[in-house]
Amino acid sequence: MRRKDKLIKRLLSRPKDFTYDELVTFLKFVGYEEVNAGRTSGSRRAFISEVNGHIIRLHKPHPGNVIRIYQIDLIISELRKEKLI
């Protein structure tokens, strides 16, 4: 099984320990680029699709690196709307 497939399966299982790094890797696999616009953007992050310009916005977790369940649900919902998963 490829790493992308493993990350999809892991994301869809809604784990409580899904990390921001895993999310960035996964979103790159499906064609999104992380954008940190401006010097005051802080923890707000945007991921923009290189194909159609679709934007997913969320906050980078801190002080830890684990994504919250509501963020996972948001990402799953957005990627399903775009027919990427």
Protein backbone atom coordinates (compact mmCIF):
# COMPACT_ATOMS: atom_id res chain seq x y z
CA MET A 1 0.00 0.00 0.00
CA ARG A 2 1.37 3.43 -0.95
CA ARG A 3 1.96 6.12 1.65
CA LYS A 4 -0.87 8.24 0.18
CA ASP A 5 -3.30 5.34 0.55
CA LYS A 6 -2.18 4.77 4.13
CA LEU A 7 -2.69 8.44 4.97
CA ILE A 8 -6.18 8.42 3.38
CA LYS A 9 -7.14 5.36 5.39
CA ARG A 10 -5.71 6.89 8.56
CA LEU A 11 -7.44 10.25 8.00
CA LEU A 12 -10.81 8.61 7.33
CA SER A 13 -10.52 6.63 10.57
CA ARG A 14 -10.50 10.01 12.40
CA PRO A 15 -7.61 9.18 14.74
CA LYS A 16 -7.01 11.27 17.84
CA ASP A 17 -3.29 11.41 17.08
CA PHE A 18 -3.24 12.62 13.45
CA THR A 19 -0.39 15.14 13.24
CA TYR A 20 -0.11 18.40 11.37
CA ASP A 21 2.93 17.03 9.56
CA GLU A 22 0.88 14.06 8.32
CA LEU A 23 -1.82 16.48 7.16
CA VAL A 24 0.66 18.63 5.21
CA THR A 25 2.12 15.52 3.56
CA PHE A 26 -1.33 14.19 2.67
CA LEU A 27 -2.56 17.50 1.26
CA LYS A 28 0.56 17.74 -0.90
CA PHE A 29 -0.25 14.26 -2.27
CA VAL A 30 -3.72 15.46 -3.36
CA GLY A 31 -2.42 18.67 -4.93
CA TYR A 32 -2.58 21.33 -2.20
CA GLU A 33 0.18 23.79 -1.36
CA GLU A 34 0.53 25.32 2.11
CA VAL A 35 0.47 29.12 2.06
CA ASN A 36 1.67 31.24 4.95
CA ALA A 37 0.83 34.71 3.65
CA GLY A 38 2.03 37.79 5.45
CA ARG A 39 4.32 38.20 8.38
CA THR A 40 1.45 38.36 10.90
CA SER A 41 -0.40 35.22 9.83
CA GLY A 42 0.60 33.40 13.03
CA SER A 43 -0.93 29.96 13.31
CA ARG A 44 -3.54 30.49 10.56
CA ARG A 45 -2.76 28.37 7.53
CA ALA A 46 -4.29 28.07 4.10
CA PHE A 47 -3.86 25.17 1.70
CA ILE A 48 -4.61 26.03 -1.92
CA SER A 49 -5.29 23.49 -4.64
CA GLU A 50 -2.85 23.81 -7.50
CA VAL A 51 -5.54 22.45 -9.85
CA ASN A 52 -8.61 24.61 -9.20
CA GLY A 53 -7.67 27.14 -6.50
CA HIS A 54 -9.87 25.58 -3.80
CA ILE A 55 -8.80 26.78 -0.34
CA ILE A 56 -8.82 24.89 2.97
CA ARG A 57 -8.17 27.12 5.99
CA LEU A 58 -7.30 26.00 9.49
CA HIS A 59 -5.13 26.80 12.47
CA LYS A 60 -1.83 25.06 12.97
CA PRO A 61 -1.98 23.29 16.34
CA HIS A 62 0.19 24.60 19.12
CA PRO A 63 1.95 23.94 21.36
CA GLY A 64 1.56 20.34 20.17
CA ASN A 65 1.39 18.94 16.66
CA VAL A 66 -1.88 16.95 16.81
CA ILE A 67 -4.87 17.99 14.69
CA ARG A 68 -8.22 18.17 16.49
CA ILE A 69 -11.14 15.98 15.46
CA TYR A 70 -13.25 18.93 14.24
CA GLN A 71 -10.39 19.90 11.90
CA ILE A 72 -10.17 16.35 10.58
CA ASP A 73 -13.92 16.40 9.93
CA LEU A 74 -13.59 19.73 8.11
CA ILE A 75 -10.77 18.41 5.93
CA ILE A 76 -12.65 15.21 5.10
CA SER A 77 -15.75 17.23 4.20
CA GLU A 78 -13.83 19.65 1.99
CA LEU A 79 -11.95 16.88 0.18
CA ARG A 80 -15.18 14.95 -0.41
CA LYS A 81 -16.79 18.07 -1.91
CA GLU A 82 -13.83 18.31 -4.26
CA LYS A 83 -14.07 14.55 -4.99
CA LEU A 84 -10.50 13.90 -3.89
CA ILE A 85 -11.39 11.14 -1.43
